[in-house]
Amino acid sequence: LALLKGEDNSYVLKLKAFWRLKQNDYESAALFLNEVLRKNENDLEAGINMAILEIKTSQIPKAKKRLARLREIYPENALIPELIQKLK
């Protein structure tokens, strides 16, 4: 997929980040997610995965802030309130 779409394609970067998250390689996952968010700070999938990464790395205030912002942008998304509730 990277050969077809390019290494810096947001979808490719999100797939790489998701795989790194599953492998508990949070540092690499953060690099890929930050690249996606640098291109589009409102990317829902990257934002949620970054919040999950922040939760897993005990950066709770950052995760709360990110999720609150995403909730404003995507009020119809059901996963965001679930994540917010888990942080309480």
N, C-alpha and C. Protein backbone atom coordinates (compact mmCIF):
# COMPACT_ATOMS: atom_id res chain seq x y z
N LEU A 1 0.82 -1.19 0.00
CA LEU A 1 0.00 0.00 0.00
C LEU A 1 0.87 1.26 0.00
N ALA A 2 1.95 1.20 0.76
CA ALA A 2 2.85 2.35 0.81
C ALA A 2 3.47 2.62 -0.56
N LEU A 3 3.71 1.56 -1.32
CA LEU A 3 4.28 1.74 -2.66
C LEU A 3 3.28 2.41 -3.59
N LEU A 4 2.00 2.09 -3.43
CA LEU A 4 0.97 2.68 -4.28
C LEU A 4 0.61 4.11 -3.88
N LYS A 5 0.44 4.31 -2.59
CA LYS A 5 -0.06 5.59 -2.10
C LYS A 5 1.05 6.54 -1.68
N GLY A 6 2.20 6.00 -1.33
CA GLY A 6 3.32 6.81 -0.86
C GLY A 6 3.50 6.66 0.64
N GLU A 7 4.74 6.72 1.07
CA GLU A 7 5.08 6.53 2.47
C GLU A 7 4.47 7.59 3.38
N ASP A 8 4.25 8.80 2.84
CA ASP A 8 3.74 9.89 3.67
C ASP A 8 2.22 10.08 3.54
N ASN A 9 1.54 9.13 2.91
CA ASN A 9 0.10 9.17 2.80
C ASN A 9 -0.52 9.01 4.19
N SER A 10 -1.50 9.82 4.51
CA SER A 10 -2.10 9.80 5.85
C SER A 10 -2.68 8.44 6.21
N TYR A 11 -3.32 7.79 5.26
CA TYR A 11 -3.90 6.48 5.53
C TYR A 11 -2.80 5.46 5.86
N VAL A 12 -1.73 5.50 5.10
CA VAL A 12 -0.60 4.60 5.33
C VAL A 12 0.00 4.87 6.71
N LEU A 13 0.18 6.14 7.04
CA LEU A 13 0.74 6.51 8.34
C LEU A 13 -0.15 6.05 9.49
N LYS A 14 -1.47 6.17 9.32
CA LYS A 14 -2.40 5.73 10.36
C LYS A 14 -2.34 4.21 10.53
N LEU A 15 -2.21 3.48 9.43
CA LEU A 15 -2.08 2.02 9.53
C LEU A 15 -0.81 1.64 10.27
N LYS A 16 0.29 2.32 9.95
CA LYS A 16 1.56 2.05 10.63
C LYS A 16 1.44 2.37 12.12
N ALA A 17 0.80 3.49 12.43
CA ALA A 17 0.64 3.88 13.83
C ALA A 17 -0.21 2.86 14.58
N PHE A 18 -1.30 2.43 13.96
CA PHE A 18 -2.18 1.45 14.61
C PHE A 18 -1.41 0.16 14.89
N TRP A 19 -0.63 -0.29 13.93
CA TRP A 19 0.16 -1.51 14.12
C TRP A 19 1.15 -1.33 15.27
N ARG A 20 1.80 -0.16 15.32
CA ARG A 20 2.75 0.11 16.41
C ARG A 20 2.03 0.15 17.77
N LEU A 21 0.84 0.72 17.80
CA LEU A 21 0.06 0.73 19.04
C LEU A 21 -0.21 -0.69 19.51
N LYS A 22 -0.60 -1.55 18.58
CA LYS A 22 -0.90 -2.95 18.91
C LYS A 22 0.35 -3.68 19.43
N GLN A 23 1.53 -3.23 18.99
CA GLN A 23 2.79 -3.83 19.41
C GLN A 23 3.34 -3.18 20.68
N ASN A 24 2.59 -2.22 21.24
CA ASN A 24 3.02 -1.45 22.41
C ASN A 24 4.28 -0.63 22.15
N ASP A 25 4.50 -0.28 20.90
CA ASP A 25 5.62 0.59 20.52
C ASP A 25 5.07 2.02 20.43
N TYR A 26 4.87 2.61 21.60
CA TYR A 26 4.18 3.90 21.67
C TYR A 26 5.00 5.04 21.06
N GLU A 27 6.30 4.95 21.18
CA GLU A 27 7.15 6.01 20.63
C GLU A 27 7.01 6.09 19.10
N SER A 28 7.09 4.95 18.43
CA SER A 28 6.93 4.93 16.98
C SER A 28 5.52 5.31 16.56
N ALA A 29 4.53 4.81 17.30
CA ALA A 29 3.14 5.14 16.99
C ALA A 29 2.93 6.66 17.09
N ALA A 30 3.49 7.27 18.11
CA ALA A 30 3.35 8.72 18.28
C ALA A 30 3.97 9.48 17.12
N LEU A 31 5.10 9.01 16.62
CA LEU A 31 5.73 9.68 15.47
C LEU A 31 4.81 9.67 14.25
N PHE A 32 4.22 8.51 13.97
CA PHE A 32 3.33 8.41 12.81
C PHE A 32 2.06 9.25 13.01
N LEU A 33 1.49 9.17 14.21
CA LEU A 33 0.26 9.94 14.48
C LEU A 33 0.52 11.44 14.44
N ASN A 34 1.64 11.86 14.98
CA ASN A 34 1.98 13.28 14.93
C ASN A 34 2.13 13.78 13.50
N GLU A 35 2.66 12.94 12.63
CA GLU A 35 2.79 13.32 11.23
C GLU A 35 1.42 13.51 10.59
N VAL A 36 0.50 12.60 10.87
CA VAL A 36 -0.86 12.74 10.35
C VAL A 36 -1.52 14.00 10.89
N LEU A 37 -1.39 14.21 12.21
CA LEU A 37 -2.02 15.36 12.84
C LEU A 37 -1.37 16.68 12.42
N ARG A 38 -0.11 16.63 12.04
CA ARG A 38 0.55 17.83 11.52
C ARG A 38 -0.10 18.24 10.19
N LYS A 39 -0.47 17.25 9.40
CA LYS A 39 -1.13 17.51 8.11
C LYS A 39 -2.58 17.93 8.29
N ASN A 40 -3.26 17.30 9.26
CA ASN A 40 -4.68 17.58 9.49
C ASN A 40 -4.97 17.40 10.99
N GLU A 41 -4.95 18.50 11.72
CA GLU A 41 -5.12 18.41 13.17
C GLU A 41 -6.50 17.92 13.59
N ASN A 42 -7.45 17.89 12.65
CA ASN A 42 -8.80 17.44 12.94
C ASN A 42 -9.08 16.00 12.50
N ASP A 43 -8.05 15.26 12.16
CA ASP A 43 -8.23 13.87 11.72
C ASP A 43 -8.78 13.05 12.89
N LEU A 44 -9.99 12.55 12.73
CA LEU A 44 -10.68 11.84 13.80
C LEU A 44 -9.93 10.58 14.25
N GLU A 45 -9.60 9.74 13.31
CA GLU A 45 -8.96 8.46 13.64
C GLU A 45 -7.61 8.67 14.32
N ALA A 46 -6.81 9.57 13.76
CA ALA A 46 -5.49 9.85 14.35
C ALA A 46 -5.64 10.48 15.73
N GLY A 47 -6.62 11.36 15.88
CA GLY A 47 -6.85 11.99 17.17
C GLY A 47 -7.27 11.01 18.24
N ILE A 48 -8.17 10.11 17.90
CA ILE A 48 -8.61 9.09 18.86
C ILE A 48 -7.44 8.16 19.22
N ASN A 49 -6.70 7.73 18.21
CA ASN A 49 -5.57 6.85 18.50
C ASN A 49 -4.49 7.56 19.33
N MET A 50 -4.29 8.86 19.09
CA MET A 50 -3.33 9.60 19.89
C MET A 50 -3.83 9.71 21.33
N ALA A 51 -5.13 9.92 21.52
CA ALA A 51 -5.69 9.97 22.88
C ALA A 51 -5.50 8.63 23.58
N ILE A 52 -5.73 7.54 22.87
CA ILE A 52 -5.52 6.21 23.44
C ILE A 52 -4.06 6.02 23.83
N LEU A 53 -3.16 6.46 22.96
CA LEU A 53 -1.73 6.39 23.26
C LEU A 53 -1.41 7.22 24.50
N GLU A 54 -1.99 8.41 24.60
CA GLU A 54 -1.75 9.27 25.76
C GLU A 54 -2.29 8.62 27.03
N ILE A 55 -3.41 7.96 26.95
CA ILE A 55 -3.95 7.25 28.11
C ILE A 55 -3.00 6.13 28.53
N LYS A 56 -2.54 5.36 27.55
CA LYS A 56 -1.66 4.22 27.85
C LYS A 56 -0.31 4.67 28.41
N THR A 57 0.09 5.91 28.11
CA THR A 57 1.38 6.41 28.60
C THR A 57 1.19 7.41 29.75
N SER A 58 0.03 7.33 30.40
CA SER A 58 -0.28 8.14 31.59
C SER A 58 -0.24 9.64 31.37
N GLN A 59 -0.58 10.06 30.17
CA GLN A 59 -0.68 11.49 29.87
C GLN A 59 -2.16 11.87 29.86
N ILE A 60 -2.81 11.63 30.97
CA ILE A 60 -4.26 11.78 31.09
C ILE A 60 -4.74 13.20 30.78
N PRO A 61 -4.11 14.24 31.32
CA PRO A 61 -4.59 15.60 30.99
C PRO A 61 -4.56 15.90 29.48
N LYS A 62 -3.51 15.43 28.81
CA LYS A 62 -3.43 15.63 27.36
C LYS A 62 -4.55 14.87 26.65
N ALA A 63 -4.81 13.65 27.09
CA ALA A 63 -5.86 12.84 26.48
C ALA A 63 -7.22 13.49 26.69
N LYS A 64 -7.48 13.99 27.90
CA LYS A 64 -8.76 14.64 28.18
C LYS A 64 -8.95 15.86 27.29
N LYS A 65 -7.91 16.66 27.16
CA LYS A 65 -7.99 17.86 26.32
C LYS A 65 -8.24 17.50 24.86
N ARG A 66 -7.53 16.49 24.38
CA ARG A 66 -7.68 16.05 22.99
C ARG A 66 -9.10 15.53 22.74
N LEU A 67 -9.59 14.71 23.65
CA LEU A 67 -10.92 14.13 23.49
C LEU A 67 -12.01 15.20 23.57
N ALA A 68 -11.84 16.17 24.45
CA ALA A 68 -12.82 17.26 24.54
C ALA A 68 -12.87 18.04 23.23
N ARG A 69 -11.72 18.29 22.65
CA ARG A 69 -11.67 19.00 21.37
C ARG A 69 -12.32 18.17 20.26
N LEU A 70 -12.00 16.88 20.22
CA LEU A 70 -12.59 16.00 19.20
C LEU A 70 -14.11 15.91 19.36
N ARG A 71 -14.56 15.94 20.61
CA ARG A 71 -16.02 15.86 20.85
C ARG A 71 -16.73 17.09 20.28
N GLU A 72 -16.08 18.24 20.38
CA GLU A 72 -16.66 19.46 19.81
C GLU A 72 -16.73 19.37 18.28
N ILE A 73 -15.71 18.81 17.68
CA ILE A 73 -15.64 18.73 16.22
C ILE A 73 -16.54 17.62 15.68
N TYR A 74 -16.58 16.50 16.41
CA TYR A 74 -17.34 15.32 15.96
C TYR A 74 -18.37 14.92 17.02
N PRO A 75 -19.41 15.73 17.24
CA PRO A 75 -20.38 15.43 18.30
C PRO A 75 -21.16 14.13 18.08
N GLU A 76 -21.22 13.65 16.85
CA GLU A 76 -21.98 12.44 16.54
C GLU A 76 -21.19 11.15 16.81
N ASN A 77 -19.89 11.27 17.05
CA ASN A 77 -19.06 10.09 17.26
C ASN A 77 -19.34 9.47 18.62
N ALA A 78 -19.61 8.16 18.65
CA ALA A 78 -19.97 7.47 19.88
C ALA A 78 -18.75 7.04 20.70
N LEU A 79 -17.62 6.86 20.08
CA LEU A 79 -16.43 6.38 20.79
C LEU A 79 -15.83 7.45 21.70
N ILE A 80 -15.89 8.69 21.29
CA ILE A 80 -15.28 9.77 22.07
C ILE A 80 -15.89 9.86 23.47
N PRO A 81 -17.23 9.93 23.61
CA PRO A 81 -17.80 9.98 24.96
C PRO A 81 -17.45 8.74 25.80
N GLU A 82 -17.35 7.59 25.17
CA GLU A 82 -16.97 6.37 25.89
C GLU A 82 -15.57 6.51 26.49
N LEU A 83 -14.65 7.03 25.69
CA LEU A 83 -13.27 7.23 26.17
C LEU A 83 -13.23 8.27 27.28
N ILE A 84 -13.99 9.35 27.11
CA ILE A 84 -14.05 10.38 28.14
C ILE A 84 -14.58 9.79 29.45
N GLN A 85 -15.61 8.97 29.34
CA GLN A 85 -16.20 8.36 30.53
C GLN A 85 -15.21 7.46 31.24
N LYS A 86 -14.39 6.73 30.50
CA LYS A 86 -13.41 5.84 31.10
C LYS A 86 -12.34 6.61 31.86
N LEU A 87 -12.13 7.87 31.50
CA LEU A 87 -11.13 8.68 32.17
C LEU A 87 -11.61 9.25 33.50
N LYS A 88 -12.89 9.14 33.74
CA LYS A 88 -13.44 9.69 35.01
C LYS A 88 -13.28 8.74 36.15
